[in-house]
Amino acid sequence: MDQQNITESLAKLSQETELQKMLADEKMRCDMHKTNYQTLKAEHTRVQNDMKRLQDDLDRVREEKKTAEEKLQSLLTKANKELAEHAGQIADLKSQVLTPQKLELVKLKISEDMEQPFRDRLTQVCKDLDHFREGYNKLRYENTFLKSEYEHEQAERKRVMEEMKSQHEAE
């Protein structure tokens, strides 16, 4: 029995050693899993922090983008308004540009404006001339009438004088 006991003991011991080896292996694997878990947990926390930081950055960038878009929209509206004003100014300037036809019209207007006082003066002088001519013709007619009356009166006086002279000589 001793041998059997020893064999059993040895088998038991061998089993116990085997079990202890397995237990030690299992403990080592457990420790390794625990270390891996701790590492993964730390990595997960770091990744979550990075993700939160990136999410905050993304939100900030979105806000900046929104602000920039609003600013650009404002600038675009302002630029379009200025463009419309400039287009209006260009249209005004185009209407003010002297084309050869407009230049001729301006020249004609200026010459008419310059000549008008002289025309008015000429018209007035012509009216005065007609008035003086009428006065002259009237005076000439009166002069001719008076001359003819004078000659008639002289002829009458001469006749009366000759009659008186004849009568006086007859007396």
N, C-alpha and C. Protein backbone atom coordinates (compact mmCIF):
# COMPACT_ATOMS: atom_id res chain seq x y z
N MET A 1 0.74 -1.15 0.00
CA MET A 1 0.00 0.00 0.00
C MET A 1 0.80 1.25 0.00
N ASP A 2 1.84 1.05 0.34
CA ASP A 2 2.70 2.18 0.39
C ASP A 2 2.98 2.68 -1.02
N GLN A 3 3.13 1.76 -1.85
CA GLN A 3 3.42 2.15 -3.20
C GLN A 3 2.18 2.75 -3.83
N GLN A 4 1.16 2.18 -3.56
CA GLN A 4 -0.05 2.70 -4.12
C GLN A 4 -0.34 4.05 -3.52
N ASN A 5 -0.07 4.22 -2.35
CA ASN A 5 -0.25 5.49 -1.68
C ASN A 5 0.69 6.51 -2.29
N ILE A 6 1.82 6.09 -2.53
CA ILE A 6 2.82 7.01 -3.08
C ILE A 6 2.39 7.34 -4.50
N THR A 7 1.99 6.36 -5.18
CA THR A 7 1.57 6.62 -6.54
C THR A 7 0.37 7.53 -6.51
N GLU A 8 -0.50 7.26 -5.62
CA GLU A 8 -1.68 8.12 -5.53
C GLU A 8 -1.25 9.50 -5.08
N SER A 9 -0.36 9.53 -4.13
CA SER A 9 0.12 10.79 -3.64
C SER A 9 0.83 11.54 -4.75
N LEU A 10 1.61 10.81 -5.45
CA LEU A 10 2.34 11.44 -6.55
C LEU A 10 1.35 11.92 -7.63
N ALA A 11 0.41 11.10 -7.88
CA ALA A 11 -0.58 11.48 -8.88
C ALA A 11 -1.33 12.70 -8.37
N LYS A 12 -1.63 12.66 -7.08
CA LYS A 12 -2.34 13.78 -6.49
C LYS A 12 -1.46 15.00 -6.52
N LEU A 13 -0.23 14.82 -6.16
CA LEU A 13 0.74 15.91 -6.13
C LEU A 13 0.93 16.45 -7.55
N SER A 14 1.02 15.54 -8.44
CA SER A 14 1.19 15.93 -9.82
C SER A 14 -0.05 16.69 -10.27
N GLN A 15 -1.19 16.24 -9.86
CA GLN A 15 -2.42 16.93 -10.20
C GLN A 15 -2.45 18.28 -9.53
N GLU A 16 -2.03 18.31 -8.26
CA GLU A 16 -2.02 19.58 -7.53
C GLU A 16 -1.04 20.54 -8.17
N THR A 17 0.10 20.06 -8.54
CA THR A 17 1.10 20.88 -9.19
C THR A 17 0.52 21.38 -10.52
N GLU A 18 -0.08 20.45 -11.18
CA GLU A 18 -0.69 20.78 -12.45
C GLU A 18 -1.76 21.85 -12.22
N LEU A 19 -2.57 21.64 -11.19
CA LEU A 19 -3.62 22.59 -10.88
C LEU A 19 -3.03 23.94 -10.47
N GLN A 20 -1.98 23.88 -9.70
CA GLN A 20 -1.34 25.12 -9.28
C GLN A 20 -0.73 25.84 -10.47
N LYS A 21 -0.18 25.06 -11.37
CA LYS A 21 0.37 25.65 -12.60
C LYS A 21 -0.75 26.30 -13.39
N MET A 22 -1.84 25.56 -13.50
CA MET A 22 -2.98 26.09 -14.24
C MET A 22 -3.52 27.33 -13.53
N LEU A 23 -3.56 27.24 -12.21
CA LEU A 23 -4.05 28.38 -11.44
C LEU A 23 -3.12 29.57 -11.60
N ALA A 24 -1.82 29.31 -11.57
CA ALA A 24 -0.85 30.38 -11.76
C ALA A 24 -0.98 30.95 -13.16
N ASP A 25 -1.13 30.07 -14.15
CA ASP A 25 -1.33 30.55 -15.53
C ASP A 25 -2.60 31.39 -15.63
N GLU A 26 -3.61 30.90 -14.99
CA GLU A 26 -4.89 31.61 -15.02
C GLU A 26 -4.76 32.95 -14.32
N LYS A 27 -4.03 32.95 -13.18
CA LYS A 27 -3.82 34.20 -12.45
C LYS A 27 -3.03 35.17 -13.31
N MET A 28 -2.04 34.65 -14.00
CA MET A 28 -1.23 35.49 -14.87
C MET A 28 -2.08 36.06 -16.01
N ARG A 29 -2.91 35.21 -16.58
CA ARG A 29 -3.79 35.68 -17.65
C ARG A 29 -4.78 36.71 -17.10
N CYS A 30 -5.24 36.44 -15.90
CA CYS A 30 -6.17 37.37 -15.26
C CYS A 30 -5.49 38.71 -15.03
N ASP A 31 -4.25 38.69 -14.55
CA ASP A 31 -3.49 39.93 -14.35
C ASP A 31 -3.26 40.64 -15.69
N MET A 32 -2.94 39.83 -16.71
CA MET A 32 -2.71 40.43 -18.03
C MET A 32 -4.01 41.06 -18.54
N HIS A 33 -5.14 40.36 -18.36
CA HIS A 33 -6.42 40.91 -18.79
C HIS A 33 -6.74 42.17 -17.99
N LYS A 34 -6.40 42.14 -16.70
CA LYS A 34 -6.65 43.29 -15.84
C LYS A 34 -5.82 44.48 -16.33
N THR A 35 -4.54 44.22 -16.66
CA THR A 35 -3.66 45.28 -17.18
C THR A 35 -4.20 45.79 -18.51
N ASN A 36 -4.60 44.83 -19.38
CA ASN A 36 -5.17 45.23 -20.68
C ASN A 36 -6.44 46.05 -20.47
N TYR A 37 -7.27 45.61 -19.51
CA TYR A 37 -8.49 46.34 -19.21
C TYR A 37 -8.17 47.75 -18.75
N GLN A 38 -7.18 47.88 -17.83
CA GLN A 38 -6.79 49.19 -17.32
C GLN A 38 -6.27 50.07 -18.48
N THR A 39 -5.45 49.44 -19.33
CA THR A 39 -4.90 50.17 -20.48
C THR A 39 -6.03 50.61 -21.41
N LEU A 40 -6.93 49.66 -21.71
CA LEU A 40 -8.05 49.99 -22.60
C LEU A 40 -8.96 51.06 -21.98
N LYS A 41 -9.16 50.93 -20.65
CA LYS A 41 -9.99 51.91 -19.96
C LYS A 41 -9.36 53.30 -20.06
N ALA A 42 -8.04 53.37 -19.82
CA ALA A 42 -7.33 54.65 -19.91
C ALA A 42 -7.39 55.18 -21.35
N GLU A 43 -7.18 54.27 -22.32
CA GLU A 43 -7.23 54.66 -23.74
C GLU A 43 -8.63 55.14 -24.10
N HIS A 44 -9.66 54.44 -23.59
CA HIS A 44 -11.04 54.82 -23.85
C HIS A 44 -11.32 56.21 -23.27
N THR A 45 -10.87 56.47 -22.06
CA THR A 45 -11.05 57.78 -21.43
C THR A 45 -10.35 58.85 -22.25
N ARG A 46 -9.11 58.55 -22.69
CA ARG A 46 -8.36 59.51 -23.50
C ARG A 46 -9.08 59.77 -24.83
N VAL A 47 -9.58 58.69 -25.46
CA VAL A 47 -10.29 58.83 -26.74
C VAL A 47 -11.59 59.62 -26.53
N GLN A 48 -12.30 59.36 -25.42
CA GLN A 48 -13.51 60.13 -25.14
C GLN A 48 -13.18 61.60 -24.93
N ASN A 49 -12.09 61.89 -24.20
CA ASN A 49 -11.67 63.28 -23.99
C ASN A 49 -11.30 63.94 -25.32
N ASP A 50 -10.56 63.17 -26.14
CA ASP A 50 -10.20 63.69 -27.47
C ASP A 50 -11.46 63.96 -28.30
N MET A 51 -12.40 63.00 -28.20
CA MET A 51 -13.63 63.15 -28.97
C MET A 51 -14.40 64.38 -28.47
N LYS A 52 -14.45 64.58 -27.15
CA LYS A 52 -15.15 65.75 -26.60
C LYS A 52 -14.45 67.03 -27.04
N ARG A 53 -13.11 67.03 -26.98
CA ARG A 53 -12.35 68.20 -27.42
C ARG A 53 -12.59 68.46 -28.91
N LEU A 54 -12.56 67.39 -29.73
CA LEU A 54 -12.80 67.53 -31.16
C LEU A 54 -14.24 68.01 -31.43
N GLN A 55 -15.20 67.51 -30.64
CA GLN A 55 -16.58 67.95 -30.80
C GLN A 55 -16.69 69.44 -30.46
N ASP A 56 -16.01 69.85 -29.38
CA ASP A 56 -16.01 71.28 -29.03
C ASP A 56 -15.37 72.10 -30.14
N ASP A 57 -14.23 71.60 -30.68
CA ASP A 57 -13.57 72.28 -31.80
C ASP A 57 -14.50 72.38 -33.00
N LEU A 58 -15.21 71.26 -33.27
CA LEU A 58 -16.14 71.24 -34.40
C LEU A 58 -17.26 72.25 -34.20
N ASP A 59 -17.81 72.32 -32.98
CA ASP A 59 -18.85 73.29 -32.69
C ASP A 59 -18.33 74.72 -32.86
N ARG A 60 -17.10 74.96 -32.36
CA ARG A 60 -16.49 76.28 -32.48
C ARG A 60 -16.27 76.63 -33.95
N VAL A 61 -15.77 75.66 -34.72
CA VAL A 61 -15.52 75.89 -36.15
C VAL A 61 -16.84 76.15 -36.88
N ARG A 62 -17.90 75.40 -36.49
CA ARG A 62 -19.21 75.64 -37.11
C ARG A 62 -19.70 77.05 -36.81
N GLU A 63 -19.52 77.50 -35.57
CA GLU A 63 -19.92 78.85 -35.20
C GLU A 63 -19.11 79.88 -36.00
N GLU A 64 -17.79 79.64 -36.09
CA GLU A 64 -16.94 80.55 -36.87
C GLU A 64 -17.37 80.56 -38.33
N LYS A 65 -17.71 79.37 -38.85
CA LYS A 65 -18.15 79.27 -40.24
C LYS A 65 -19.45 80.04 -40.43
N LYS A 66 -20.38 79.87 -39.47
CA LYS A 66 -21.65 80.59 -39.55
C LYS A 66 -21.43 82.09 -39.51
N THR A 67 -20.57 82.54 -38.60
CA THR A 67 -20.25 83.96 -38.48
C THR A 67 -19.60 84.47 -39.76
N ALA A 68 -18.65 83.67 -40.29
CA ALA A 68 -17.97 84.06 -41.53
C ALA A 68 -18.96 84.12 -42.69
N GLU A 69 -19.88 83.15 -42.76
CA GLU A 69 -20.88 83.16 -43.84
C GLU A 69 -21.77 84.38 -43.73
N GLU A 70 -22.19 84.72 -42.50
CA GLU A 70 -23.02 85.91 -42.31
C GLU A 70 -22.26 87.16 -42.72
N LYS A 71 -20.98 87.21 -42.33
CA LYS A 71 -20.16 88.37 -42.70
C LYS A 71 -20.00 88.45 -44.21
N LEU A 72 -19.73 87.30 -44.84
CA LEU A 72 -19.58 87.28 -46.30
C LEU A 72 -20.89 87.66 -46.99
N GLN A 73 -22.02 87.17 -46.43
CA GLN A 73 -23.31 87.52 -47.01
C GLN A 73 -23.55 89.02 -46.90
N SER A 74 -23.17 89.57 -45.75
CA SER A 74 -23.30 91.02 -45.55
C SER A 74 -22.43 91.77 -46.55
N LEU A 75 -21.19 91.31 -46.69
CA LEU A 75 -20.27 91.96 -47.65
C LEU A 75 -20.79 91.82 -49.08
N LEU A 76 -21.35 90.65 -49.39
CA LEU A 76 -21.89 90.43 -50.74
C LEU A 76 -23.06 91.37 -50.99
N THR A 77 -23.94 91.50 -50.00
CA THR A 77 -25.08 92.41 -50.14
C THR A 77 -24.59 93.84 -50.33
N LYS A 78 -23.60 94.22 -49.52
CA LYS A 78 -23.05 95.57 -49.62
C LYS A 78 -22.40 95.78 -51.00
N ALA A 79 -21.65 94.77 -51.46
CA ALA A 79 -20.99 94.88 -52.76
C ALA A 79 -22.03 94.97 -53.88
N ASN A 80 -23.10 94.18 -53.78
CA ASN A 80 -24.16 94.25 -54.80
C ASN A 80 -24.83 95.61 -54.80
N LYS A 81 -25.03 96.16 -53.61
CA LYS A 81 -25.64 97.49 -53.50
C LYS A 81 -24.72 98.54 -54.15
N GLU A 82 -23.42 98.46 -53.82
CA GLU A 82 -22.45 99.40 -54.41
C GLU A 82 -22.39 99.22 -55.92
N LEU A 83 -22.47 97.95 -56.38
CA LEU A 83 -22.45 97.68 -57.82
C LEU A 83 -23.66 98.32 -58.49
N ALA A 84 -24.81 98.21 -57.86
CA ALA A 84 -26.02 98.82 -58.43
C ALA A 84 -25.88 100.34 -58.46
N GLU A 85 -25.33 100.92 -57.38
CA GLU A 85 -25.12 102.38 -57.36
C GLU A 85 -24.15 102.79 -58.46
N HIS A 86 -23.08 102.03 -58.61
CA HIS A 86 -22.09 102.36 -59.65
C HIS A 86 -22.70 102.21 -61.03
N ALA A 87 -23.55 101.20 -61.21
CA ALA A 87 -24.21 101.02 -62.50
C ALA A 87 -25.10 102.22 -62.79
N GLY A 88 -25.80 102.72 -61.76
CA GLY A 88 -26.63 103.92 -61.93
C GLY A 88 -25.78 105.13 -62.28
N GLN A 89 -24.64 105.26 -61.59
CA GLN A 89 -23.75 106.39 -61.88
C GLN A 89 -23.20 106.29 -63.30
N ILE A 90 -22.88 105.07 -63.72
CA ILE A 90 -22.37 104.88 -65.09
C ILE A 90 -23.45 105.27 -66.09
N ALA A 91 -24.70 104.86 -65.82
CA ALA A 91 -25.79 105.22 -66.73
C ALA A 91 -25.95 106.74 -66.78
N ASP A 92 -25.86 107.39 -65.61
CA ASP A 92 -25.94 108.86 -65.58
C ASP A 92 -24.80 109.48 -66.38
N LEU A 93 -23.61 108.96 -66.17
CA LEU A 93 -22.45 109.50 -66.89
C LEU A 93 -22.57 109.25 -68.38
N LYS A 94 -23.10 108.07 -68.75
CA LYS A 94 -23.27 107.78 -70.17
C LYS A 94 -24.25 108.76 -70.80
N SER A 95 -25.29 109.11 -70.03
CA SER A 95 -26.26 110.06 -70.58
C SER A 95 -25.66 111.46 -70.69
N GLN A 96 -24.64 111.75 -69.89
CA GLN A 96 -24.01 113.06 -69.92
C GLN A 96 -22.89 113.15 -70.95
N VAL A 97 -22.44 112.00 -71.45
CA VAL A 97 -21.35 112.00 -72.42
C VAL A 97 -21.83 112.67 -73.70
N LEU A 98 -20.99 113.53 -74.25
CA LEU A 98 -21.36 114.25 -75.47
C LEU A 98 -21.06 113.39 -76.69
N THR A 99 -22.11 113.00 -77.36
CA THR A 99 -21.94 112.33 -78.65
C THR A 99 -21.85 113.42 -79.70
N PRO A 100 -21.42 113.08 -80.91
CA PRO A 100 -21.35 114.12 -81.94
C PRO A 100 -22.70 114.82 -82.17
N GLN A 101 -23.80 114.04 -82.10
CA GLN A 101 -25.11 114.65 -82.29
C GLN A 101 -25.42 115.61 -81.15
N LYS A 102 -25.15 115.18 -79.92
CA LYS A 102 -25.41 116.05 -78.77
C LYS A 102 -24.52 117.28 -78.83
N LEU A 103 -23.28 117.09 -79.28
CA LEU A 103 -22.36 118.23 -79.40
C LEU A 103 -22.90 119.25 -80.39
N GLU A 104 -23.43 118.76 -81.50
CA GLU A 104 -24.00 119.67 -82.49
C GLU A 104 -25.20 120.41 -81.91
N LEU A 105 -26.05 119.67 -81.17
CA LEU A 105 -27.20 120.31 -80.55
C LEU A 105 -26.77 121.38 -79.55
N VAL A 106 -25.74 121.07 -78.78
CA VAL A 106 -25.23 122.04 -77.79
C VAL A 106 -24.68 123.26 -78.52
N LYS A 107 -23.93 123.03 -79.60
CA LYS A 107 -23.39 124.15 -80.37
C LYS A 107 -24.51 125.02 -80.92
N LEU A 108 -25.55 124.38 -81.47
CA LEU A 108 -26.68 125.14 -82.01
C LEU A 108 -27.37 125.94 -80.92
N LYS A 109 -27.58 125.33 -79.77
CA LYS A 109 -28.24 126.03 -78.66
C LYS A 109 -27.40 127.22 -78.21
N ILE A 110 -26.09 126.99 -78.07
CA ILE A 110 -25.21 128.09 -77.64
C ILE A 110 -25.23 129.21 -78.66
N SER A 111 -25.14 128.85 -79.94
CA SER A 111 -25.13 129.91 -80.96
C SER A 111 -26.48 130.63 -80.98
N GLU A 112 -27.59 129.88 -80.79
CA GLU A 112 -28.89 130.54 -80.71
C GLU A 112 -28.96 131.47 -79.49
N ASP A 113 -28.46 130.96 -78.36
CA ASP A 113 -28.47 131.79 -77.15
C ASP A 113 -27.61 133.04 -77.34
N MET A 114 -26.49 132.90 -78.05
CA MET A 114 -25.60 134.05 -78.26
C MET A 114 -26.21 135.01 -79.29
N GLU A 115 -26.87 134.48 -80.32
CA GLU A 115 -27.40 135.32 -81.38
C GLU A 115 -28.72 135.98 -81.00
N GLN A 116 -29.45 135.39 -80.05
CA GLN A 116 -30.79 135.89 -79.70
C GLN A 116 -30.78 137.37 -79.28
N PRO A 117 -29.86 137.80 -78.41
CA PRO A 117 -29.88 139.24 -78.06
C PRO A 117 -29.63 140.13 -79.29
N PHE A 118 -28.76 139.66 -80.20
CA PHE A 118 -28.50 140.46 -81.40
C PHE A 118 -29.72 140.48 -82.32
N ARG A 119 -30.41 139.33 -82.41
CA ARG A 119 -31.64 139.30 -83.21
C ARG A 119 -32.68 140.24 -82.62
N ASP A 120 -32.81 140.17 -81.29
CA ASP A 120 -33.78 141.06 -80.64
C ASP A 120 -33.42 142.52 -80.91
N ARG A 121 -32.16 142.84 -80.79
CA ARG A 121 -31.70 144.21 -81.03
C ARG A 121 -31.94 144.61 -82.49
N LEU A 122 -31.65 143.66 -83.41
CA LEU A 122 -31.86 143.93 -84.83
C LEU A 122 -33.35 144.17 -85.11
N THR A 123 -34.19 143.37 -84.50
CA THR A 123 -35.64 143.54 -84.67
C THR A 123 -36.06 144.91 -84.15
N GLN A 124 -35.54 145.28 -82.99
CA GLN A 124 -35.87 146.59 -82.40
C GLN A 124 -35.38 147.72 -83.31
N VAL A 125 -34.16 147.56 -83.84
CA VAL A 125 -33.60 148.59 -84.73
C VAL A 125 -34.45 148.70 -86.00
N CYS A 126 -34.90 147.53 -86.52
CA CYS A 126 -35.75 147.55 -87.71
C CYS A 126 -37.07 148.26 -87.43
N LYS A 127 -37.65 147.99 -86.24
CA LYS A 127 -38.89 148.67 -85.87
C LYS A 127 -38.65 150.18 -85.76
N ASP A 128 -37.53 150.54 -85.11
CA ASP A 128 -37.21 151.97 -84.99
C ASP A 128 -37.00 152.58 -86.37
N LEU A 129 -36.32 151.87 -87.25
CA LEU A 129 -36.08 152.35 -88.61
C LEU A 129 -37.40 152.58 -89.34
N ASP A 130 -38.31 151.60 -89.22
CA ASP A 130 -39.62 151.76 -89.86
C ASP A 130 -40.36 152.97 -89.28
N HIS A 131 -40.26 153.12 -87.95
CA HIS A 131 -40.91 154.27 -87.30
C HIS A 131 -40.32 155.59 -87.81
N PHE A 132 -38.98 155.65 -87.87
CA PHE A 132 -38.34 156.88 -88.36
C PHE A 132 -38.62 157.10 -89.85
N ARG A 133 -38.66 156.00 -90.61
CA ARG A 133 -38.95 156.12 -92.04
C ARG A 133 -40.35 156.69 -92.24
N GLU A 134 -41.31 156.17 -91.43
CA GLU A 134 -42.68 156.69 -91.52
C GLU A 134 -42.69 158.18 -91.17
N GLY A 135 -41.95 158.52 -90.09
CA GLY A 135 -41.87 159.94 -89.68
C GLY A 135 -41.24 160.78 -90.79
N TYR A 136 -40.18 160.26 -91.38
CA TYR A 136 -39.50 160.98 -92.46
C TYR A 136 -40.43 161.16 -93.64
N ASN A 137 -41.09 160.07 -94.04
CA ASN A 137 -42.01 160.15 -95.18
C ASN A 137 -43.13 161.13 -94.89
N LYS A 138 -43.62 161.13 -93.65
CA LYS A 138 -44.67 162.07 -93.26
C LYS A 138 -44.17 163.50 -93.36
N LEU A 139 -42.93 163.72 -92.84
CA LEU A 139 -42.35 165.06 -92.90
C LEU A 139 -42.09 165.48 -94.35
N ARG A 140 -41.63 164.56 -95.16
CA ARG A 140 -41.37 164.86 -96.56
C ARG A 140 -42.68 165.21 -97.28
N TYR A 141 -43.75 164.43 -96.96
CA TYR A 141 -45.05 164.73 -97.55
C TYR A 141 -45.52 166.11 -97.13
N GLU A 142 -45.39 166.38 -95.81
CA GLU A 142 -45.79 167.69 -95.32
C GLU A 142 -44.95 168.79 -95.96
N ASN A 143 -43.64 168.51 -96.08
CA ASN A 143 -42.75 169.49 -96.71
C ASN A 143 -43.18 169.74 -98.15
N THR A 144 -43.44 168.66 -98.87
CA THR A 144 -43.86 168.80 -100.27
C THR A 144 -45.19 169.56 -100.33
N PHE A 145 -46.12 169.20 -99.42
CA PHE A 145 -47.40 169.88 -99.38
C PHE A 145 -47.22 171.37 -99.08
N LEU A 146 -46.34 171.64 -98.05
CA LEU A 146 -46.10 173.04 -97.69
C LEU A 146 -45.41 173.79 -98.83
N LYS A 147 -44.45 173.13 -99.50
CA LYS A 147 -43.78 173.77 -100.64
C LYS A 147 -44.79 174.10 -101.73
N SER A 148 -45.66 173.14 -102.00
CA SER A 148 -46.64 173.37 -103.04
C SER A 148 -47.60 174.47 -102.60
N GLU A 149 -47.97 174.48 -101.33
CA GLU A 149 -48.84 175.55 -100.84
C GLU A 149 -48.11 176.88 -100.88
N TYR A 150 -46.83 176.86 -100.53
CA TYR A 150 -46.02 178.07 -100.56
C TYR A 150 -45.94 178.60 -102.00
N GLU A 151 -45.65 177.69 -102.94
CA GLU A 151 -45.56 178.12 -104.33
C GLU A 151 -46.91 178.65 -104.82
N HIS A 152 -47.97 177.95 -104.38
CA HIS A 152 -49.31 178.41 -104.76
C HIS A 152 -49.58 179.79 -104.15
N GLU A 153 -49.21 179.97 -102.88
CA GLU A 153 -49.41 181.24 -102.21
C GLU A 153 -48.55 182.31 -102.90
N GLN A 154 -47.34 181.97 -103.29
CA GLN A 154 -46.47 182.96 -103.97
C GLN A 154 -47.04 183.32 -105.34
N ALA A 155 -47.53 182.29 -106.02
CA ALA A 155 -48.12 182.58 -107.33
C ALA A 155 -49.36 183.45 -107.13
N GLU A 156 -50.13 183.15 -106.09
CA GLU A 156 -51.32 183.95 -105.78
C GLU A 156 -50.90 185.35 -105.40
N ARG A 157 -49.88 185.50 -104.56
CA ARG A 157 -49.40 186.81 -104.15
C ARG A 157 -48.87 187.55 -105.37
N LYS A 158 -48.15 186.85 -106.22
CA LYS A 158 -47.61 187.49 -107.42
C LYS A 158 -48.78 187.96 -108.30
N ARG A 159 -49.77 187.16 -108.46
CA ARG A 159 -50.92 187.54 -109.25
C ARG A 159 -51.64 188.73 -108.60
N VAL A 160 -51.80 188.63 -107.28
CA VAL A 160 -52.48 189.73 -106.59
C VAL A 160 -51.60 190.97 -106.73
N MET A 161 -50.30 190.84 -106.63
CA MET A 161 -49.42 191.98 -106.74
C MET A 161 -49.49 192.54 -108.17
N GLU A 162 -49.58 191.72 -109.11
CA GLU A 162 -49.65 192.20 -110.48
C GLU A 162 -50.99 192.86 -110.73
N GLU A 163 -52.00 192.34 -110.13
CA GLU A 163 -53.31 192.96 -110.25
C GLU A 163 -53.28 194.31 -109.56
N MET A 164 -52.68 194.34 -108.39
CA MET A 164 -52.60 195.61 -107.67
C MET A 164 -51.72 196.57 -108.46
N LYS A 165 -50.68 196.08 -108.99
CA LYS A 165 -49.80 196.95 -109.79
C LYS A 165 -50.54 197.41 -111.03
N SER A 166 -51.26 196.56 -111.65
CA SER A 166 -52.04 196.94 -112.81
C SER A 166 -53.12 197.92 -112.39
N GLN A 167 -53.74 197.71 -111.32
CA GLN A 167 -54.76 198.61 -110.82
C GLN A 167 -54.11 199.91 -110.42
N HIS A 168 -53.03 199.90 -109.85
CA HIS A 168 -52.34 201.09 -109.42
C HIS A 168 -51.87 201.84 -110.67
N GLU A 169 -51.40 201.25 -111.62
CA GLU A 169 -50.97 201.91 -112.84
C GLU A 169 -52.24 202.42 -113.60
N ALA A 170 -53.24 201.70 -113.45
CA ALA A 170 -54.46 202.13 -114.09
C ALA A 170 -54.98 203.36 -113.38
N GLU A 171 -54.78 203.54 -112.17
CA GLU A 171 -55.26 204.67 -111.42
C GLU A 171 -54.27 205.76 -111.71
